PDB file of all heavy atoms in Angstrom:
ATOM      1  N   LEU A   1       0.848  -1.224  -0.015  1.00  0.00           N
ATOM      2  CA  LEU A   1      -0.037   0.039   0.012  1.00  0.00           C
ATOM      3  C   LEU A   1       0.867   1.227  -0.045  1.00  0.00           C
ATOM      4  O   LEU A   1       0.608   2.235  -0.760  1.00  0.00           O
ATOM      5  CB  LEU A   1      -0.959  -0.025   1.198  1.00  0.00           C
ATOM      6  CG  LEU A   1      -1.904   1.147   1.267  1.00  0.00           C
ATOM      7  CD1 LEU A   1      -2.717   1.336   0.008  1.00  0.00           C
ATOM      8  CD2 LEU A   1      -2.907   0.991   2.464  1.00  0.00           C
ATOM      9  N   VAL A   2       1.887   1.264   0.815  1.00  0.00           N
ATOM     10  CA  VAL A   2       2.770   2.451   0.939  1.00  0.00           C
ATOM     11  C   VAL A   2       3.449   2.730  -0.422  1.00  0.00           C
ATOM     12  O   VAL A   2       3.697   3.840  -0.800  1.00  0.00           O
ATOM     13  CB  VAL A   2       3.761   2.274   2.096  1.00  0.00           C
ATOM     14  CG1 VAL A   2       4.824   3.348   2.008  1.00  0.00           C
ATOM     15  CG2 VAL A   2       3.044   2.311   3.400  1.00  0.00           C
ATOM     16  N   ALA A   3       3.734   1.642  -1.217  1.00  0.00           N
ATOM     17  CA  ALA A   3       4.357   1.821  -2.511  1.00  0.00           C
ATOM     18  C   ALA A   3       3.501   2.627  -3.439  1.00  0.00           C
ATOM     19  O   ALA A   3       3.954   3.153  -4.443  1.00  0.00           O
ATOM     20  CB  ALA A   3       4.624   0.457  -3.115  1.00  0.00           C
ATOM     21  N   LEU A   4       2.156   2.751  -3.200  1.00  0.00           N
ATOM     22  CA  LEU A   4       1.230   3.470  -4.040  1.00  0.00           C
ATOM     23  C   LEU A   4       1.190   4.914  -3.613  1.00  0.00           C
ATOM     24  O   LEU A   4       0.535   5.741  -4.386  1.00  0.00           O
ATOM     25  CB  LEU A   4      -0.181   2.914  -3.913  1.00  0.00           C
ATOM     26  CG  LEU A   4      -0.411   1.452  -4.334  1.00  0.00           C
ATOM     27  CD1 LEU A   4      -1.816   1.001  -3.990  1.00  0.00           C
ATOM     28  CD2 LEU A   4      -0.100   1.240  -5.864  1.00  0.00           C
ATOM     29  N   LEU A   5       1.824   5.387  -2.469  1.00  0.00           N
ATOM     30  CA  LEU A   5       1.642   6.672  -1.904  1.00  0.00           C
ATOM     31  C   LEU A   5       2.759   7.548  -2.217  1.00  0.00           C
ATOM     32  O   LEU A   5       3.913   7.121  -2.380  1.00  0.00           O
ATOM     33  CB  LEU A   5       1.513   6.515  -0.395  1.00  0.00           C
ATOM     34  CG  LEU A   5       0.466   5.516   0.163  1.00  0.00           C
ATOM     35  CD1 LEU A   5       0.447   5.478   1.644  1.00  0.00           C
ATOM     36  CD2 LEU A   5      -0.942   5.804  -0.350  1.00  0.00           C
ATOM     37  N   THR A   6       2.572   8.856  -2.225  1.00  0.00           N
ATOM     38  CA  THR A   6       3.620   9.812  -2.309  1.00  0.00           C
ATOM     39  C   THR A   6       4.333   9.888  -1.016  1.00  0.00           C
ATOM     40  O   THR A   6       3.788   9.480   0.022  1.00  0.00           O
ATOM     41  CB  THR A   6       3.055  11.276  -2.689  1.00  0.00           C
ATOM     42  OG1 THR A   6       2.150  11.680  -1.595  1.00  0.00           O
ATOM     43  CG2 THR A   6       2.297  11.242  -4.022  1.00  0.00           C
ATOM     44  N   ALA A   7       5.554  10.433  -1.016  1.00  0.00           N
ATOM     45  CA  ALA A   7       6.344  10.453   0.198  1.00  0.00           C
ATOM     46  C   ALA A   7       5.745  11.361   1.227  1.00  0.00           C
ATOM     47  O   ALA A   7       5.837  11.035   2.493  1.00  0.00           O
ATOM     48  CB  ALA A   7       7.762  10.977  -0.111  1.00  0.00           C
ATOM     49  N   ASP A   8       5.054  12.430   0.838  1.00  0.00           N
ATOM     50  CA  ASP A   8       4.379  13.294   1.806  1.00  0.00           C
ATOM     51  C   ASP A   8       2.811  13.106   1.858  1.00  0.00           C
ATOM     52  O   ASP A   8       2.134  14.047   2.151  1.00  0.00           O
ATOM     53  CB  ASP A   8       4.669  14.784   1.436  1.00  0.00           C
ATOM     54  CG  ASP A   8       4.163  15.115   0.085  1.00  0.00           C
ATOM     55  OD1 ASP A   8       3.750  14.249  -0.749  1.00  0.00           O
ATOM     56  OD2 ASP A   8       4.185  16.336  -0.274  1.00  0.00           O
ATOM     57  N   VAL A   9       2.391  11.882   1.643  1.00  0.00           N
ATOM     58  CA  VAL A   9       0.936  11.575   1.642  1.00  0.00           C
ATOM     59  C   VAL A   9       0.304  12.004   2.989  1.00  0.00           C
ATOM     60  O   VAL A   9       0.957  11.987   4.042  1.00  0.00           O
ATOM     61  CB  VAL A   9       0.747  10.122   1.488  1.00  0.00           C
ATOM     62  CG1 VAL A   9       1.393   9.263   2.648  1.00  0.00           C
ATOM     63  CG2 VAL A   9      -0.688   9.746   1.301  1.00  0.00           C
ATOM     64  N   THR A  10      -0.931  12.426   2.883  1.00  0.00           N
ATOM     65  CA  THR A  10      -1.698  12.648   4.110  1.00  0.00           C
ATOM     66  C   THR A  10      -2.811  11.691   4.221  1.00  0.00           C
ATOM     67  O   THR A  10      -3.405  11.266   3.176  1.00  0.00           O
ATOM     68  CB  THR A  10      -2.235  14.103   4.192  1.00  0.00           C
ATOM     69  OG1 THR A  10      -3.192  14.270   3.058  1.00  0.00           O
ATOM     70  CG2 THR A  10      -1.152  15.186   4.124  1.00  0.00           C
ATOM     71  N   TRP A  11      -3.159  11.264   5.477  1.00  0.00           N
ATOM     72  CA  TRP A  11      -4.216  10.303   5.675  1.00  0.00           C
ATOM     73  C   TRP A  11      -5.049  10.764   6.893  1.00  0.00           C
ATOM     74  O   TRP A  11      -4.525  10.979   8.026  1.00  0.00           O
ATOM     75  CB  TRP A  11      -3.562   8.934   6.051  1.00  0.00           C
ATOM     76  CG  TRP A  11      -4.546   7.754   6.001  1.00  0.00           C
ATOM     77  CD1 TRP A  11      -5.669   7.640   6.742  1.00  0.00           C
ATOM     78  CD2 TRP A  11      -4.471   6.574   5.158  1.00  0.00           C
ATOM     79  NE1 TRP A  11      -6.351   6.419   6.404  1.00  0.00           N
ATOM     80  CE2 TRP A  11      -5.571   5.783   5.488  1.00  0.00           C
ATOM     81  CE3 TRP A  11      -3.547   6.203   4.159  1.00  0.00           C
ATOM     82  CZ2 TRP A  11      -5.779   4.575   4.859  1.00  0.00           C
ATOM     83  CZ3 TRP A  11      -3.766   5.007   3.548  1.00  0.00           C
ATOM     84  CH2 TRP A  11      -4.874   4.168   3.928  1.00  0.00           C
ATOM     85  N   ALA A  12      -6.310  11.075   6.594  1.00  0.00           N
ATOM     86  CA  ALA A  12      -7.178  11.558   7.681  1.00  0.00           C
ATOM     87  C   ALA A  12      -8.428  10.717   7.719  1.00  0.00           C
ATOM     88  O   ALA A  12      -8.839  10.087   6.766  1.00  0.00           O
ATOM     89  CB  ALA A  12      -7.622  13.033   7.392  1.00  0.00           C
ATOM     90  N   MET A  13      -9.113  10.712   8.898  1.00  0.00           N
ATOM     91  CA  MET A  13     -10.262   9.782   9.154  1.00  0.00           C
ATOM     92  C   MET A  13     -11.343  10.454   9.945  1.00  0.00           C
ATOM     93  O   MET A  13     -11.598  10.075  11.079  1.00  0.00           O
ATOM     94  CB  MET A  13      -9.791   8.543   9.857  1.00  0.00           C
ATOM     95  CG  MET A  13      -8.715   7.704   9.131  1.00  0.00           C
ATOM     96  SD  MET A  13      -7.863   6.592  10.244  1.00  0.00           S
ATOM     97  CE  MET A  13      -7.050   7.780  11.369  1.00  0.00           C
ATOM     98  N   PRO A  14     -11.934  11.581   9.484  1.00  0.00           N
ATOM     99  CA  PRO A  14     -12.979  12.164  10.301  1.00  0.00           C
ATOM    100  C   PRO A  14     -14.075  11.130  10.560  1.00  0.00           C
ATOM    101  O   PRO A  14     -14.442  10.397   9.644  1.00  0.00           O
ATOM    102  CB  PRO A  14     -13.505  13.310   9.433  1.00  0.00           C
ATOM    103  CG  PRO A  14     -13.014  12.924   8.002  1.00  0.00           C
ATOM    104  CD  PRO A  14     -11.762  12.128   8.174  1.00  0.00           C
ATOM    105  N   PRO A  15     -14.669  11.064  11.782  1.00  0.00           N
ATOM    106  CA  PRO A  15     -14.568  12.054  12.873  1.00  0.00           C
ATOM    107  C   PRO A  15     -13.411  11.872  13.898  1.00  0.00           C
ATOM    108  O   PRO A  15     -13.450  12.427  14.989  1.00  0.00           O
ATOM    109  CB  PRO A  15     -15.880  11.806  13.598  1.00  0.00           C
ATOM    110  CG  PRO A  15     -16.139  10.363  13.458  1.00  0.00           C
ATOM    111  CD  PRO A  15     -15.625  10.046  12.088  1.00  0.00           C
ATOM    112  N   ASN A  16     -12.378  11.111  13.541  1.00  0.00           N
ATOM    113  CA  ASN A  16     -11.180  10.988  14.364  1.00  0.00           C
ATOM    114  C   ASN A  16     -10.324  12.284  14.150  1.00  0.00           C
ATOM    115  O   ASN A  16     -10.103  12.693  12.918  1.00  0.00           O
ATOM    116  CB  ASN A  16     -10.349   9.759  14.106  1.00  0.00           C
ATOM    117  CG  ASN A  16     -11.039   8.515  14.660  1.00  0.00           C
ATOM    118  OD1 ASN A  16     -11.740   8.547  15.604  1.00  0.00           O
ATOM    119  ND2 ASN A  16     -10.859   7.368  13.951  1.00  0.00           N
ATOM    120  N   ALA A  17      -9.819  12.872  15.109  1.00  0.00           N
ATOM    121  CA  ALA A  17      -9.048  14.144  14.886  1.00  0.00           C
ATOM    122  C   ALA A  17      -7.687  13.876  14.467  1.00  0.00           C
ATOM    123  O   ALA A  17      -7.026  14.754  13.881  1.00  0.00           O
ATOM    124  CB  ALA A  17      -9.118  14.995  16.223  1.00  0.00           C
ATOM    125  N   ALA A  18      -7.096  12.713  14.742  1.00  0.00           N
ATOM    126  CA  ALA A  18      -5.718  12.424  14.368  1.00  0.00           C
ATOM    127  C   ALA A  18      -5.560  12.303  12.845  1.00  0.00           C
ATOM    128  O   ALA A  18      -6.473  11.801  12.174  1.00  0.00           O
ATOM    129  CB  ALA A  18      -5.224  11.125  15.001  1.00  0.00           C
ATOM    130  N   TRP A  19      -4.535  12.785  12.319  1.00  0.00           N
ATOM    131  CA  TRP A  19      -4.233  12.593  10.946  1.00  0.00           C
ATOM    132  C   TRP A  19      -2.681  12.436  10.741  1.00  0.00           C
ATOM    133  O   TRP A  19      -1.976  12.749  11.677  1.00  0.00           O
ATOM    134  CB  TRP A  19      -4.737  13.827  10.102  1.00  0.00           C
ATOM    135  CG  TRP A  19      -4.088  15.069  10.366  1.00  0.00           C
ATOM    136  CD1 TRP A  19      -4.325  15.929  11.471  1.00  0.00           C
ATOM    137  CD2 TRP A  19      -3.023  15.744   9.614  1.00  0.00           C
ATOM    138  NE1 TRP A  19      -3.528  17.054  11.396  1.00  0.00           N
ATOM    139  CE2 TRP A  19      -2.723  17.000  10.244  1.00  0.00           C
ATOM    140  CE3 TRP A  19      -2.426  15.444   8.427  1.00  0.00           C
ATOM    141  CZ2 TRP A  19      -1.815  17.876   9.715  1.00  0.00           C
ATOM    142  CZ3 TRP A  19      -1.486  16.326   7.921  1.00  0.00           C
ATOM    143  CH2 TRP A  19      -1.116  17.516   8.571  1.00  0.00           C
ATOM    144  N   PHE A  20      -2.337  11.829   9.645  1.00  0.00           N
ATOM    145  CA  PHE A  20      -0.940  11.461   9.529  1.00  0.00           C
ATOM    146  C   PHE A  20      -0.342  12.038   8.224  1.00  0.00           C
ATOM    147  O   PHE A  20      -1.061  12.112   7.178  1.00  0.00           O
ATOM    148  CB  PHE A  20      -0.857   9.886   9.464  1.00  0.00           C
ATOM    149  CG  PHE A  20      -1.627   9.222  10.560  1.00  0.00           C
ATOM    150  CD1 PHE A  20      -2.859   8.601  10.302  1.00  0.00           C
ATOM    151  CD2 PHE A  20      -1.214   9.407  11.851  1.00  0.00           C
ATOM    152  CE1 PHE A  20      -3.565   8.042  11.314  1.00  0.00           C
ATOM    153  CE2 PHE A  20      -1.950   8.820  12.863  1.00  0.00           C
ATOM    154  CZ  PHE A  20      -3.145   8.173  12.653  1.00  0.00           C
ATOM    155  N   ARG A  21       0.949  12.389   8.273  1.00  0.00           N
ATOM    156  CA  ARG A  21       1.664  12.862   7.100  1.00  0.00           C
ATOM    157  C   ARG A  21       2.919  12.070   6.921  1.00  0.00           C
ATOM    158  O   ARG A  21       3.649  11.903   7.823  1.00  0.00           O
ATOM    159  CB  ARG A  21       1.980  14.361   7.228  1.00  0.00           C
ATOM    160  CG  ARG A  21       2.698  14.863   5.984  1.00  0.00           C
ATOM    161  CD  ARG A  21       3.113  16.359   6.176  1.00  0.00           C
ATOM    162  NE  ARG A  21       2.035  17.262   6.361  1.00  0.00           N
ATOM    163  CZ  ARG A  21       1.393  17.796   5.358  1.00  0.00           C
ATOM    164  NH1 ARG A  21       1.601  17.482   4.101  1.00  0.00           N
ATOM    165  NH2 ARG A  21       0.385  18.622   5.721  1.00  0.00           N
ATOM    166  N   GLY A  22       3.165  11.644   5.650  1.00  0.00           N
ATOM    167  CA  GLY A  22       4.384  10.936   5.296  1.00  0.00           C
ATOM    168  C   GLY A  22       4.184   9.422   5.497  1.00  0.00           C
ATOM    169  O   GLY A  22       3.422   8.926   6.250  1.00  0.00           O
ATOM    170  N   THR A  23       5.020   8.697   4.709  1.00  0.00           N
ATOM    171  CA  THR A  23       4.860   7.179   4.629  1.00  0.00           C
ATOM    172  C   THR A  23       5.172   6.547   5.968  1.00  0.00           C
ATOM    173  O   THR A  23       4.695   5.503   6.320  1.00  0.00           O
ATOM    174  CB  THR A  23       5.713   6.658   3.499  1.00  0.00           C
ATOM    175  OG1 THR A  23       7.036   7.137   3.624  1.00  0.00           O
ATOM    176  CG2 THR A  23       5.074   7.054   2.149  1.00  0.00           C
ATOM    177  N   ASP A  24       6.169   7.095   6.758  1.00  0.00           N
ATOM    178  CA  ASP A  24       6.512   6.441   7.986  1.00  0.00           C
ATOM    179  C   ASP A  24       5.309   6.453   8.975  1.00  0.00           C
ATOM    180  O   ASP A  24       5.016   5.437   9.557  1.00  0.00           O
ATOM    181  CB  ASP A  24       7.681   7.176   8.599  1.00  0.00           C
ATOM    182  CG  ASP A  24       9.015   6.928   7.892  1.00  0.00           C
ATOM    183  OD1 ASP A  24       9.056   5.948   7.102  1.00  0.00           O
ATOM    184  OD2 ASP A  24      10.012   7.656   8.155  1.00  0.00           O
ATOM    185  N   ALA A  25       4.638   7.616   9.178  1.00  0.00           N
ATOM    186  CA  ALA A  25       3.592   7.727  10.074  1.00  0.00           C
ATOM    187  C   ALA A  25       2.382   6.927   9.561  1.00  0.00           C
ATOM    188  O   ALA A  25       1.728   6.224  10.310  1.00  0.00           O
ATOM    189  CB  ALA A  25       3.115   9.155  10.277  1.00  0.00           C
ATOM    190  N   VAL A  26       2.178   6.965   8.188  1.00  0.00           N
ATOM    191  CA  VAL A  26       1.060   6.136   7.719  1.00  0.00           C
ATOM    192  C   VAL A  26       1.282   4.692   7.850  1.00  0.00           C
ATOM    193  O   VAL A  26       0.399   3.871   8.185  1.00  0.00           O
ATOM    194  CB  VAL A  26       0.822   6.549   6.175  1.00  0.00           C
ATOM    195  CG1 VAL A  26      -0.104   5.576   5.549  1.00  0.00           C
ATOM    196  CG2 VAL A  26       0.214   7.947   6.097  1.00  0.00           C
ATOM    197  N   THR A  27       2.565   4.225   7.650  1.00  0.00           N
ATOM    198  CA  THR A  27       2.836   2.748   7.767  1.00  0.00           C
ATOM    199  C   THR A  27       2.578   2.313   9.225  1.00  0.00           C
ATOM    200  O   THR A  27       2.075   1.257   9.444  1.00  0.00           O
ATOM    201  CB  THR A  27       4.281   2.566   7.439  1.00  0.00           C
ATOM    202  OG1 THR A  27       4.523   2.871   5.970  1.00  0.00           O
ATOM    203  CG2 THR A  27       4.640   1.092   7.617  1.00  0.00           C
ATOM    204  N   THR A  28       3.047   3.116  10.199  1.00  0.00           N
ATOM    205  CA  THR A  28       2.788   2.793  11.633  1.00  0.00           C
ATOM    206  C   THR A  28       1.338   2.752  11.866  1.00  0.00           C
ATOM    207  O   THR A  28       0.870   1.738  12.540  1.00  0.00           O
ATOM    208  CB  THR A  28       3.420   3.837  12.489  1.00  0.00           C
ATOM    209  OG1 THR A  28       4.863   3.933  12.274  1.00  0.00           O
ATOM    210  CG2 THR A  28       3.148   3.566  13.948  1.00  0.00           C
ATOM    211  N   PHE A  29       0.522   3.654  11.386  1.00  0.00           N
ATOM    212  CA  PHE A  29      -0.925   3.612  11.535  1.00  0.00           C
ATOM    213  C   PHE A  29      -1.499   2.377  10.912  1.00  0.00           C
ATOM    214  O   PHE A  29      -2.341   1.670  11.499  1.00  0.00           O
ATOM    215  CB  PHE A  29      -1.552   4.903  11.038  1.00  0.00           C
ATOM    216  CG  PHE A  29      -2.981   4.757  10.664  1.00  0.00           C
ATOM    217  CD1 PHE A  29      -3.971   4.644  11.649  1.00  0.00           C
ATOM    218  CD2 PHE A  29      -3.354   4.788   9.299  1.00  0.00           C
ATOM    219  CE1 PHE A  29      -5.261   4.522  11.302  1.00  0.00           C
ATOM    220  CE2 PHE A  29      -4.683   4.641   9.015  1.00  0.00           C
ATOM    221  CZ  PHE A  29      -5.647   4.478   9.956  1.00  0.00           C
ATOM    222  N   LEU A  30      -1.165   2.084   9.643  1.00  0.00           N
ATOM    223  CA  LEU A  30      -1.743   0.963   8.944  1.00  0.00           C
ATOM    224  C   LEU A  30      -1.472  -0.346   9.655  1.00  0.00           C
ATOM    225  O   LEU A  30      -2.416  -1.178   9.749  1.00  0.00           O
ATOM    226  CB  LEU A  30      -1.185   0.896   7.528  1.00  0.00           C
ATOM    227  CG  LEU A  30      -1.597   2.041   6.547  1.00  0.00           C
ATOM    228  CD1 LEU A  30      -0.789   1.928   5.232  1.00  0.00           C
ATOM    229  CD2 LEU A  30      -3.140   1.979   6.224  1.00  0.00           C
TER     230      LEU A  30
END
């Protein structure tokens, strides 16, 4: 999945307030 993303990707999930930027943070979350 991360291979499909840009290096500075953002991932948000309203109504959760947390959001993630970059593949490292997104990988940890995933």
